[in-house]
């Protein structure tokens, strides 16, 4: 691998020298051992040794020329790959910036949004890994998780922060937020793979969820995973209308609702993770407010 402009220039110079030398030897050979003997009608056998020597030198120069050409081509490919990698990195940072901007917009209304989203992403990705999801699927799960409540931007504060239980009309307004969120996220091309999570994360396995009352396997797997992760964090977080439950109580409740509200396969994967790892995710977000510290779970988060 060539690391400097000077090395590239030396390679170009060497290639030019061997190319010119090959051409020069070819012209000498053609003149002295082909054209001149033909014109003078001399015996070609007396030129055999000289012809062979120059021919060998010419072939050697041509081989060096082609070798240098291949090295230069390889250098150009390396440069293009490096540029492509840099551009992809810039694109990822731009996409992440857009994602964070959307989340911060919601966080200005509900200051718990970022912490809730970060914990849910940690749970969801851990469940996804336990279920054998590919890195690409985990990435979409993570981005969808961070934006799952973006539709709450369209919910009035009086309903969103109401301490008392919501009435029927208020619930109908709250139930619109997945559709609103889907409409927002659907406008951004690189987030197309996350729209199912945003739209269907409140669907129930038995068909009693919203907004489309999907049932069982009709609900995309990513949305089923996210529904469990979202519920786990909701149960273990303080709400204006109730105190937080313990992790043991939340896991027991999710287990009880397996096959009704939640997908049994996803619940099984959640229980296989273990309370210690789930508690570690909670503690990490509480300490740093960041999803970047989950290491293993978030190592795959690249958009392109």
Foldseek 3Di string as FASTA:
>chain_A
DDDDPVVLVVLVVLLVVLVVLLVVLVVVLCVPQPVVCVVVVDDNVVCVVVNVVSVVVSVVSVVSNVVSVVVSVVVVVVVVVVVVVVVLVVVQVVVVVVLVVLLVVVCVLPVCLLLLLLLLLLLLLLLCVLVPHDLLLNQLLSSLSSQLQSLCVPQDSCLVQPLDDDDPVSVVSVLCSLVSSLVVQVVDVLNVSNNLLSNQLQAFQCQPGDDPSDHHPVRPPSSLSSNLSSQLSVQQCQGSHGHHDDSVVSLVVVCVCDNTRHPVSSNVSSVVSDPVSSVVSSVVCVVPVDSVPPPVSCPSNRSD
